[in-house]
Amino acid sequence: MLLVVVAATASYLDPFGLMEQPEAAEVASCDGTTMNLSGPEAELLSLHNETRGEHGAPPLCVEKRLAAVAGAHSKDMIERDFYSHETPEGVTPAQRVQSAGYDYSSMAENIHLKEVSRMGRPSTRDLGATFEDWMESPGHRENLLNPALKEVGIGVATGMTQKGMRPMGAYTVNFGTPR
């Protein structure tokens, strides 16, 4: 019996970076405490703040209530297989944010639903494509670069859609300015 072992490098197995996973991060929240972000959430926060800096807007800090609302909306879109700012019952982003106890003078929301290249885990490439889509959409770009919006919550959820049976990533970014 002959056993052959083949060694392969990560770059050989993944020449296009489809499997590269972003790393989780601990970040300072808006209230000065620390908060853990998943790899995809940390990557999207980094992309937002880097791009805002390039356009003269201040960096966003992570606000815990906005993050909880964003995460819940992303999870809801995956679990109930819908793609909208409003839930199937008609609950709006403003209503979700207010229900979480976030008192704001202004707020905005960006969402996206996009197939992921690896089942269950968006790669850095998937996240970059999602961010590019937002930057190419005038309304999403305006929210992202608005210097008056100071705080953010980012939620990422993944799963199979019921209709298309495809692995999808749902992304919600809630921006806010507290009163």
N, C-alpha and C. Protein backbone atom coordinates (compact mmCIF):
# COMPACT_ATOMS: atom_id res chain seq x y z
N MET A 1 0.85 -1.18 0.00
CA MET A 1 0.00 0.00 0.00
C MET A 1 0.89 1.23 0.00
N LEU A 2 0.63 2.12 -0.90
CA LEU A 2 1.43 3.33 -1.04
C LEU A 2 0.61 4.52 -0.59
N LEU A 3 1.14 5.31 0.32
CA LEU A 3 0.47 6.52 0.80
C LEU A 3 1.22 7.72 0.27
N VAL A 4 0.51 8.57 -0.42
CA VAL A 4 1.12 9.77 -0.98
C VAL A 4 0.55 10.97 -0.24
N VAL A 5 1.41 11.82 0.28
CA VAL A 5 1.00 13.03 0.97
C VAL A 5 1.33 14.21 0.07
N VAL A 6 0.34 15.03 -0.15
CA VAL A 6 0.53 16.22 -0.98
C VAL A 6 0.41 17.44 -0.09
N ALA A 7 1.39 18.28 -0.09
CA ALA A 7 1.36 19.53 0.67
C ALA A 7 1.02 20.65 -0.28
N ALA A 8 0.15 21.52 0.16
CA ALA A 8 -0.24 22.66 -0.67
C ALA A 8 -0.24 23.91 0.18
N THR A 9 0.14 24.99 -0.42
CA THR A 9 0.12 26.25 0.31
C THR A 9 -1.26 26.87 0.20
N ALA A 10 -1.56 27.75 1.11
CA ALA A 10 -2.86 28.43 1.10
C ALA A 10 -3.06 29.21 -0.19
N SER A 11 -2.00 29.80 -0.71
CA SER A 11 -2.14 30.58 -1.94
C SER A 11 -2.46 29.69 -3.13
N TYR A 12 -1.97 28.44 -3.10
CA TYR A 12 -2.29 27.52 -4.18
C TYR A 12 -3.75 27.08 -4.10
N LEU A 13 -4.23 26.82 -2.89
CA LEU A 13 -5.61 26.39 -2.70
C LEU A 13 -6.61 27.52 -2.88
N ASP A 14 -6.16 28.75 -2.66
CA ASP A 14 -7.06 29.90 -2.70
C ASP A 14 -6.39 31.05 -3.45
N PRO A 15 -6.16 30.88 -4.76
CA PRO A 15 -5.41 31.91 -5.50
C PRO A 15 -6.12 33.25 -5.60
N PHE A 16 -7.43 33.30 -5.40
CA PHE A 16 -8.16 34.55 -5.53
C PHE A 16 -8.56 35.15 -4.19
N GLY A 17 -8.11 34.57 -3.09
CA GLY A 17 -8.43 35.11 -1.76
C GLY A 17 -9.87 34.91 -1.36
N LEU A 18 -10.55 33.93 -1.95
CA LEU A 18 -11.97 33.72 -1.65
C LEU A 18 -12.22 33.20 -0.25
N MET A 19 -11.21 32.55 0.34
CA MET A 19 -11.41 31.96 1.66
C MET A 19 -10.79 32.78 2.78
N GLU A 20 -10.07 33.84 2.46
CA GLU A 20 -9.42 34.65 3.49
C GLU A 20 -10.47 35.22 4.44
N GLN A 21 -10.29 34.93 5.71
CA GLN A 21 -11.27 35.34 6.71
C GLN A 21 -10.77 36.52 7.52
N PRO A 22 -11.62 37.53 7.71
CA PRO A 22 -11.22 38.66 8.55
C PRO A 22 -11.17 38.23 10.01
N GLU A 23 -10.35 38.90 10.77
CA GLU A 23 -10.17 38.55 12.19
C GLU A 23 -11.10 39.36 13.08
N ALA A 24 -11.61 38.69 14.11
CA ALA A 24 -12.43 39.36 15.11
C ALA A 24 -11.56 40.42 15.80
N ALA A 25 -12.21 41.41 16.38
CA ALA A 25 -11.46 42.49 17.02
C ALA A 25 -12.21 43.02 18.23
N GLU A 26 -11.44 43.49 19.18
CA GLU A 26 -12.00 44.20 20.33
C GLU A 26 -11.80 45.68 20.05
N VAL A 27 -12.89 46.44 20.10
CA VAL A 27 -12.82 47.87 19.79
C VAL A 27 -13.39 48.68 20.93
N ALA A 28 -13.00 49.93 20.99
CA ALA A 28 -13.59 50.84 21.97
C ALA A 28 -14.96 51.24 21.47
N SER A 29 -15.95 51.17 22.33
CA SER A 29 -17.29 51.59 21.95
C SER A 29 -17.43 53.09 22.23
N CYS A 30 -18.55 53.64 21.81
CA CYS A 30 -18.78 55.08 21.98
C CYS A 30 -18.80 55.51 23.44
N ASP A 31 -19.20 54.59 24.34
CA ASP A 31 -19.26 54.94 25.76
C ASP A 31 -17.93 54.70 26.49
N GLY A 32 -16.88 54.33 25.74
CA GLY A 32 -15.56 54.16 26.32
C GLY A 32 -15.25 52.75 26.79
N THR A 33 -16.25 51.87 26.82
CA THR A 33 -15.99 50.47 27.16
C THR A 33 -15.52 49.75 25.90
N THR A 34 -15.13 48.50 26.06
CA THR A 34 -14.72 47.74 24.88
C THR A 34 -15.84 46.82 24.44
N MET A 35 -15.75 46.44 23.19
CA MET A 35 -16.78 45.61 22.57
C MET A 35 -16.11 44.67 21.59
N ASN A 36 -16.56 43.43 21.55
CA ASN A 36 -16.03 42.45 20.60
C ASN A 36 -16.85 42.47 19.32
N LEU A 37 -16.15 42.55 18.20
CA LEU A 37 -16.80 42.47 16.89
C LEU A 37 -16.35 41.19 16.20
N SER A 38 -17.27 40.56 15.48
CA SER A 38 -16.89 39.41 14.67
C SER A 38 -15.92 39.88 13.59
N GLY A 39 -15.26 38.95 12.93
CA GLY A 39 -14.35 39.31 11.85
C GLY A 39 -15.02 40.14 10.76
N PRO A 40 -16.19 39.70 10.26
CA PRO A 40 -16.86 40.51 9.22
C PRO A 40 -17.27 41.89 9.72
N GLU A 41 -17.74 42.00 10.95
CA GLU A 41 -18.12 43.31 11.49
C GLU A 41 -16.91 44.21 11.63
N ALA A 42 -15.80 43.65 12.13
CA ALA A 42 -14.57 44.43 12.28
C ALA A 42 -14.05 44.90 10.92
N GLU A 43 -14.11 44.03 9.93
CA GLU A 43 -13.64 44.39 8.58
C GLU A 43 -14.50 45.51 8.00
N LEU A 44 -15.82 45.42 8.14
CA LEU A 44 -16.69 46.47 7.62
C LEU A 44 -16.47 47.79 8.36
N LEU A 45 -16.26 47.74 9.67
CA LEU A 45 -15.96 48.97 10.42
C LEU A 45 -14.66 49.60 9.89
N SER A 46 -13.66 48.78 9.68
CA SER A 46 -12.39 49.28 9.16
C SER A 46 -12.57 49.92 7.79
N LEU A 47 -13.32 49.26 6.90
CA LEU A 47 -13.56 49.82 5.57
C LEU A 47 -14.31 51.14 5.65
N HIS A 48 -15.30 51.22 6.54
CA HIS A 48 -16.05 52.47 6.71
C HIS A 48 -15.13 53.59 7.18
N ASN A 49 -14.37 53.34 8.24
CA ASN A 49 -13.55 54.41 8.80
C ASN A 49 -12.39 54.81 7.89
N GLU A 50 -11.81 53.86 7.19
CA GLU A 50 -10.75 54.17 6.24
C GLU A 50 -11.29 55.07 5.13
N THR A 51 -12.44 54.70 4.59
CA THR A 51 -13.03 55.47 3.49
C THR A 51 -13.51 56.84 3.96
N ARG A 52 -14.10 56.88 5.15
CA ARG A 52 -14.52 58.18 5.69
C ARG A 52 -13.31 59.10 5.85
N GLY A 53 -12.20 58.57 6.35
CA GLY A 53 -10.99 59.37 6.51
C GLY A 53 -10.48 59.91 5.19
N GLU A 54 -10.55 59.08 4.14
CA GLU A 54 -10.11 59.52 2.81
C GLU A 54 -10.98 60.64 2.25
N HIS A 55 -12.21 60.77 2.77
CA HIS A 55 -13.13 61.80 2.29
C HIS A 55 -13.37 62.91 3.31
N GLY A 56 -12.51 62.98 4.33
CA GLY A 56 -12.58 64.07 5.29
C GLY A 56 -13.65 63.94 6.37
N ALA A 57 -14.27 62.78 6.48
CA ALA A 57 -15.28 62.57 7.52
C ALA A 57 -14.62 61.90 8.73
N PRO A 58 -15.10 62.22 9.93
CA PRO A 58 -14.50 61.62 11.13
C PRO A 58 -14.83 60.13 11.22
N PRO A 59 -14.00 59.38 11.95
CA PRO A 59 -14.28 57.94 12.12
C PRO A 59 -15.55 57.73 12.94
N LEU A 60 -16.16 56.60 12.72
CA LEU A 60 -17.35 56.20 13.47
C LEU A 60 -16.93 55.40 14.70
N CYS A 61 -17.63 55.60 15.81
CA CYS A 61 -17.42 54.73 16.96
C CYS A 61 -18.60 53.76 17.03
N VAL A 62 -18.37 52.61 17.62
CA VAL A 62 -19.41 51.58 17.69
C VAL A 62 -20.30 51.83 18.90
N GLU A 63 -21.59 51.90 18.63
CA GLU A 63 -22.58 52.12 19.68
C GLU A 63 -23.33 50.80 19.89
N LYS A 64 -23.36 50.33 21.13
CA LYS A 64 -23.86 48.99 21.44
C LYS A 64 -25.32 48.77 21.05
N ARG A 65 -26.18 49.74 21.27
CA ARG A 65 -27.59 49.55 20.91
C ARG A 65 -27.77 49.50 19.39
N LEU A 66 -27.04 50.35 18.68
CA LEU A 66 -27.11 50.31 17.22
C LEU A 66 -26.59 48.97 16.70
N ALA A 67 -25.54 48.45 17.33
CA ALA A 67 -24.99 47.16 16.92
C ALA A 67 -25.99 46.03 17.15
N ALA A 68 -26.69 46.08 18.29
CA ALA A 68 -27.69 45.04 18.58
C ALA A 68 -28.83 45.10 17.55
N VAL A 69 -29.29 46.30 17.22
CA VAL A 69 -30.37 46.45 16.24
C VAL A 69 -29.90 45.97 14.86
N ALA A 70 -28.69 46.33 14.46
CA ALA A 70 -28.16 45.92 13.15
C ALA A 70 -28.02 44.40 13.08
N GLY A 71 -27.49 43.81 14.13
CA GLY A 71 -27.33 42.35 14.15
C GLY A 71 -28.66 41.63 14.08
N ALA A 72 -29.64 42.13 14.83
CA ALA A 72 -30.96 41.50 14.83
C ALA A 72 -31.63 41.61 13.46
N HIS A 73 -31.46 42.75 12.79
CA HIS A 73 -32.09 42.92 11.48
C HIS A 73 -31.43 42.00 10.45
N SER A 74 -30.11 41.89 10.47
CA SER A 74 -29.43 40.99 9.54
C SER A 74 -29.88 39.55 9.76
N LYS A 75 -29.94 39.14 11.01
CA LYS A 75 -30.37 37.78 11.34
C LYS A 75 -31.82 37.55 10.89
N ASP A 76 -32.68 38.53 11.10
CA ASP A 76 -34.08 38.43 10.70
C ASP A 76 -34.19 38.28 9.18
N MET A 77 -33.40 39.05 8.42
CA MET A 77 -33.47 38.95 6.96
C MET A 77 -33.08 37.55 6.48
N ILE A 78 -32.07 36.96 7.11
CA ILE A 78 -31.66 35.60 6.74
C ILE A 78 -32.72 34.59 7.15
N GLU A 79 -33.15 34.65 8.40
CA GLU A 79 -34.07 33.64 8.91
C GLU A 79 -35.43 33.66 8.22
N ARG A 80 -35.91 34.86 7.88
CA ARG A 80 -37.23 34.95 7.25
C ARG A 80 -37.15 35.20 5.75
N ASP A 81 -35.92 35.20 5.22
CA ASP A 81 -35.69 35.27 3.77
C ASP A 81 -36.38 36.47 3.12
N PHE A 82 -36.07 37.67 3.65
CA PHE A 82 -36.53 38.90 3.02
C PHE A 82 -35.37 39.87 2.93
N TYR A 83 -35.52 40.88 2.09
CA TYR A 83 -34.47 41.87 1.90
C TYR A 83 -35.12 43.24 1.81
N SER A 84 -35.15 43.94 2.94
CA SER A 84 -35.80 45.25 2.98
C SER A 84 -35.38 45.98 4.25
N HIS A 85 -35.45 47.30 4.20
CA HIS A 85 -35.24 48.09 5.41
C HIS A 85 -36.38 47.86 6.39
N GLU A 86 -37.55 47.61 5.87
CA GLU A 86 -38.72 47.34 6.72
C GLU A 86 -38.91 45.84 6.88
N THR A 87 -39.32 45.43 8.08
CA THR A 87 -39.64 44.02 8.29
C THR A 87 -40.93 43.69 7.55
N PRO A 88 -41.26 42.42 7.38
CA PRO A 88 -42.53 42.07 6.73
C PRO A 88 -43.75 42.68 7.44
N GLU A 89 -43.63 42.98 8.73
CA GLU A 89 -44.72 43.61 9.47
C GLU A 89 -44.74 45.13 9.32
N GLY A 90 -43.74 45.69 8.62
CA GLY A 90 -43.69 47.13 8.39
C GLY A 90 -42.90 47.92 9.42
N VAL A 91 -42.11 47.25 10.27
CA VAL A 91 -41.29 47.96 11.27
C VAL A 91 -40.11 48.59 10.54
N THR A 92 -39.94 49.90 10.73
CA THR A 92 -38.90 50.66 10.03
C THR A 92 -37.59 50.69 10.81
N PRO A 93 -36.50 51.08 10.16
CA PRO A 93 -35.23 51.24 10.88
C PRO A 93 -35.36 52.20 12.07
N ALA A 94 -36.03 53.32 11.87
CA ALA A 94 -36.18 54.30 12.96
C ALA A 94 -36.92 53.68 14.14
N GLN A 95 -37.95 52.91 13.85
CA GLN A 95 -38.70 52.27 14.94
C GLN A 95 -37.84 51.24 15.68
N ARG A 96 -37.03 50.48 14.95
CA ARG A 96 -36.16 49.49 15.61
C ARG A 96 -35.14 50.19 16.51
N VAL A 97 -34.55 51.25 16.00
CA VAL A 97 -33.53 51.99 16.76
C VAL A 97 -34.16 52.64 18.01
N GLN A 98 -35.32 53.24 17.84
CA GLN A 98 -36.01 53.85 18.99
C GLN A 98 -36.40 52.80 20.02
N SER A 99 -36.85 51.63 19.56
CA SER A 99 -37.23 50.55 20.49
C SER A 99 -36.05 50.07 21.32
N ALA A 100 -34.85 50.23 20.79
CA ALA A 100 -33.65 49.83 21.52
C ALA A 100 -33.21 50.88 22.53
N GLY A 101 -33.92 52.03 22.56
CA GLY A 101 -33.59 53.09 23.51
C GLY A 101 -32.54 54.06 23.03
N TYR A 102 -32.27 54.07 21.73
CA TYR A 102 -31.29 55.00 21.18
C TYR A 102 -32.03 56.28 20.78
N ASP A 103 -31.73 57.37 21.48
CA ASP A 103 -32.35 58.67 21.21
C ASP A 103 -31.44 59.43 20.26
N TYR A 104 -31.90 59.66 19.05
CA TYR A 104 -31.04 60.26 18.03
C TYR A 104 -31.61 61.55 17.48
N SER A 105 -30.70 62.37 16.96
CA SER A 105 -31.13 63.55 16.21
C SER A 105 -31.16 63.23 14.72
N SER A 106 -30.35 62.27 14.29
CA SER A 106 -30.41 61.76 12.92
C SER A 106 -29.93 60.32 12.90
N MET A 107 -30.44 59.57 11.93
CA MET A 107 -30.01 58.18 11.77
C MET A 107 -30.21 57.77 10.32
N ALA A 108 -29.51 56.73 9.93
CA ALA A 108 -29.63 56.18 8.58
C ALA A 108 -29.29 54.70 8.65
N GLU A 109 -29.68 53.99 7.61
CA GLU A 109 -29.39 52.56 7.58
C GLU A 109 -28.98 52.15 6.18
N ASN A 110 -27.93 51.34 6.10
CA ASN A 110 -27.53 50.68 4.86
C ASN A 110 -27.71 49.19 5.07
N ILE A 111 -28.28 48.51 4.08
CA ILE A 111 -28.39 47.05 4.14
C ILE A 111 -27.89 46.47 2.83
N HIS A 112 -27.56 45.20 2.88
CA HIS A 112 -27.17 44.49 1.66
C HIS A 112 -27.40 43.00 1.90
N LEU A 113 -27.72 42.32 0.83
CA LEU A 113 -27.85 40.86 0.85
C LEU A 113 -27.07 40.37 -0.35
N LYS A 114 -26.10 39.51 -0.10
CA LYS A 114 -25.20 39.11 -1.18
C LYS A 114 -24.75 37.68 -0.94
N GLU A 115 -24.64 36.93 -2.01
CA GLU A 115 -24.15 35.56 -1.90
C GLU A 115 -22.72 35.56 -1.38
N VAL A 116 -22.41 34.62 -0.50
CA VAL A 116 -21.05 34.50 0.03
C VAL A 116 -20.32 33.40 -0.71
N SER A 117 -19.01 33.56 -0.83
CA SER A 117 -18.22 32.61 -1.60
C SER A 117 -17.95 31.33 -0.82
N ARG A 118 -18.05 31.39 0.49
CA ARG A 118 -17.87 30.20 1.33
C ARG A 118 -19.09 30.06 2.21
N MET A 119 -19.67 28.91 2.23
CA MET A 119 -20.87 28.65 3.03
C MET A 119 -20.68 29.10 4.47
N GLY A 120 -21.53 30.01 4.90
CA GLY A 120 -21.57 30.40 6.29
C GLY A 120 -20.60 31.46 6.75
N ARG A 121 -19.60 31.80 5.95
CA ARG A 121 -18.61 32.78 6.41
C ARG A 121 -18.17 33.67 5.26
N PRO A 122 -18.54 34.94 5.32
CA PRO A 122 -18.09 35.83 4.24
C PRO A 122 -16.58 36.06 4.31
N SER A 123 -15.94 36.02 3.17
CA SER A 123 -14.50 36.27 3.10
C SER A 123 -14.25 37.78 3.05
N THR A 124 -12.99 38.15 3.17
CA THR A 124 -12.65 39.56 3.03
C THR A 124 -13.02 40.06 1.64
N ARG A 125 -12.93 39.19 0.66
CA ARG A 125 -13.32 39.57 -0.71
C ARG A 125 -14.83 39.84 -0.78
N ASP A 126 -15.65 38.99 -0.14
CA ASP A 126 -17.09 39.21 -0.11
C ASP A 126 -17.43 40.55 0.55
N LEU A 127 -16.75 40.84 1.65
CA LEU A 127 -17.01 42.08 2.38
C LEU A 127 -16.58 43.30 1.57
N GLY A 128 -15.46 43.18 0.88
CA GLY A 128 -15.02 44.27 0.01
C GLY A 128 -16.01 44.53 -1.12
N ALA A 129 -16.58 43.46 -1.68
CA ALA A 129 -17.57 43.62 -2.75
C ALA A 129 -18.85 44.27 -2.22
N THR A 130 -19.25 43.89 -1.01
CA THR A 130 -20.43 44.51 -0.39
C THR A 130 -20.18 46.00 -0.19
N PHE A 131 -19.01 46.34 0.33
CA PHE A 131 -18.68 47.74 0.58
C PHE A 131 -18.64 48.53 -0.73
N GLU A 132 -18.06 47.94 -1.78
CA GLU A 132 -18.02 48.60 -3.09
C GLU A 132 -19.43 48.87 -3.61
N ASP A 133 -20.33 47.90 -3.41
CA ASP A 133 -21.72 48.10 -3.84
C ASP A 133 -22.32 49.31 -3.13
N TRP A 134 -22.07 49.45 -1.84
CA TRP A 134 -22.58 50.62 -1.11
C TRP A 134 -21.99 51.92 -1.66
N MET A 135 -20.70 51.90 -1.93
CA MET A 135 -20.05 53.11 -2.44
C MET A 135 -20.55 53.48 -3.83
N GLU A 136 -21.02 52.52 -4.60
CA GLU A 136 -21.51 52.80 -5.95
C GLU A 136 -22.98 53.21 -5.95
N SER A 137 -23.64 53.11 -4.83
CA SER A 137 -25.05 53.49 -4.71
C SER A 137 -25.11 54.88 -4.08
N PRO A 138 -25.65 55.88 -4.78
CA PRO A 138 -25.63 57.25 -4.25
C PRO A 138 -26.20 57.41 -2.83
N GLY A 139 -27.33 56.80 -2.54
CA GLY A 139 -27.91 56.93 -1.20
C GLY A 139 -27.08 56.27 -0.12
N HIS A 140 -26.58 55.06 -0.41
CA HIS A 140 -25.75 54.36 0.57
C HIS A 140 -24.43 55.10 0.79
N ARG A 141 -23.86 55.59 -0.30
CA ARG A 141 -22.61 56.35 -0.22
C ARG A 141 -22.80 57.61 0.63
N GLU A 142 -23.92 58.29 0.42
CA GLU A 142 -24.20 59.50 1.20
C GLU A 142 -24.26 59.18 2.69
N ASN A 143 -24.95 58.10 3.06
CA ASN A 143 -25.00 57.69 4.47
C ASN A 143 -23.61 57.40 5.00
N LEU A 144 -22.85 56.64 4.25
CA LEU A 144 -21.54 56.19 4.67
C LEU A 144 -20.57 57.35 4.89
N LEU A 145 -20.64 58.36 4.06
CA LEU A 145 -19.69 59.47 4.14
C LEU A 145 -20.22 60.69 4.89
N ASN A 146 -21.45 60.63 5.39
CA ASN A 146 -22.06 61.77 6.07
C ASN A 146 -21.31 62.10 7.36
N PRO A 147 -20.62 63.26 7.43
CA PRO A 147 -19.84 63.59 8.62
C PRO A 147 -20.71 63.88 9.85
N ALA A 148 -21.99 64.14 9.65
CA ALA A 148 -22.89 64.39 10.78
C ALA A 148 -23.26 63.10 11.52
N LEU A 149 -23.12 61.96 10.87
CA LEU A 149 -23.40 60.67 11.51
C LEU A 149 -22.13 60.23 12.24
N LYS A 150 -22.22 60.05 13.55
CA LYS A 150 -21.03 59.85 14.38
C LYS A 150 -20.87 58.43 14.92
N GLU A 151 -21.98 57.71 15.06
CA GLU A 151 -21.96 56.39 15.71
C GLU A 151 -22.50 55.35 14.75
N VAL A 152 -22.13 54.09 15.00
CA VAL A 152 -22.50 53.03 14.09
C VAL A 152 -22.72 51.72 14.84
N GLY A 153 -23.56 50.91 14.27
CA GLY A 153 -23.73 49.52 14.68
C GLY A 153 -23.73 48.68 13.42
N ILE A 154 -22.95 47.62 13.40
CA ILE A 154 -22.83 46.77 12.22
C ILE A 154 -23.25 45.36 12.60
N GLY A 155 -24.12 44.78 11.79
CA GLY A 155 -24.57 43.42 12.03
C GLY A 155 -24.42 42.58 10.78
N VAL A 156 -23.87 41.38 10.95
CA VAL A 156 -23.67 40.45 9.84
C VAL A 156 -24.27 39.11 10.23
N ALA A 157 -25.04 38.54 9.33
CA ALA A 157 -25.60 37.20 9.53
C ALA A 157 -25.46 36.44 8.23
N THR A 158 -25.29 35.14 8.33
CA THR A 158 -25.17 34.31 7.14
C THR A 158 -26.07 33.09 7.27
N GLY A 159 -26.45 32.55 6.13
CA GLY A 159 -27.27 31.35 6.12
C GLY A 159 -27.79 31.08 4.72
N MET A 160 -28.53 30.01 4.61
CA MET A 160 -29.11 29.61 3.33
C MET A 160 -30.45 30.29 3.14
N THR A 161 -30.69 30.79 1.94
CA THR A 161 -32.01 31.33 1.64
C THR A 161 -32.97 30.17 1.41
N GLN A 162 -34.22 30.38 1.71
CA GLN A 162 -35.21 29.34 1.51
C GLN A 162 -35.59 29.25 0.04
N LYS A 163 -35.68 30.39 -0.63
CA LYS A 163 -36.14 30.41 -2.02
C LYS A 163 -35.08 29.86 -2.97
N GLY A 164 -33.87 30.38 -2.86
CA GLY A 164 -32.83 30.01 -3.81
C GLY A 164 -31.86 28.96 -3.32
N MET A 165 -31.95 28.60 -2.05
CA MET A 165 -31.03 27.63 -1.45
C MET A 165 -29.56 27.98 -1.77
N ARG A 166 -29.23 29.25 -1.53
CA ARG A 166 -27.87 29.72 -1.75
C ARG A 166 -27.33 30.29 -0.45
N PRO A 167 -26.02 30.14 -0.20
CA PRO A 167 -25.43 30.75 1.00
C PRO A 167 -25.34 32.26 0.84
N MET A 168 -25.99 32.97 1.75
CA MET A 168 -26.07 34.43 1.66
C MET A 168 -25.52 35.10 2.90
N GLY A 169 -25.05 36.31 2.72
CA GLY A 169 -24.67 37.18 3.83
C GLY A 169 -25.62 38.36 3.86
N ALA A 170 -26.13 38.66 5.04
CA ALA A 170 -26.99 39.84 5.22
C ALA A 170 -26.20 40.84 6.06
N TYR A 171 -26.15 42.08 5.61
CA TYR A 171 -25.36 43.11 6.24
C TYR A 171 -26.24 44.31 6.56
N THR A 172 -26.20 44.76 7.79
CA THR A 172 -26.95 45.95 8.20
C THR A 172 -25.98 46.89 8.90
N VAL A 173 -26.02 48.15 8.51
CA VAL A 173 -25.23 49.20 9.17
C VAL A 173 -26.22 50.29 9.58
N ASN A 174 -26.33 50.49 10.89
CA ASN A 174 -27.15 51.57 11.43
C ASN A 174 -26.24 52.69 11.88
N PHE A 175 -26.43 53.86 11.30
CA PHE A 175 -25.67 55.06 11.64
C PHE A 175 -26.55 55.94 12.53
N GLY A 176 -25.93 56.66 13.46
CA GLY A 176 -26.72 57.57 14.27
C GLY A 176 -25.91 58.73 14.81
N THR A 177 -26.64 59.75 15.18
CA THR A 177 -26.09 60.89 15.91
C THR A 177 -26.98 61.06 17.13
N PRO A 178 -26.42 60.90 18.32
CA PRO A 178 -27.26 61.01 19.52
C PRO A 178 -27.68 62.44 19.76
N ARG A 179 -28.79 62.58 20.48
CA ARG A 179 -29.25 63.93 20.87
C ARG A 179 -28.32 64.51 21.90
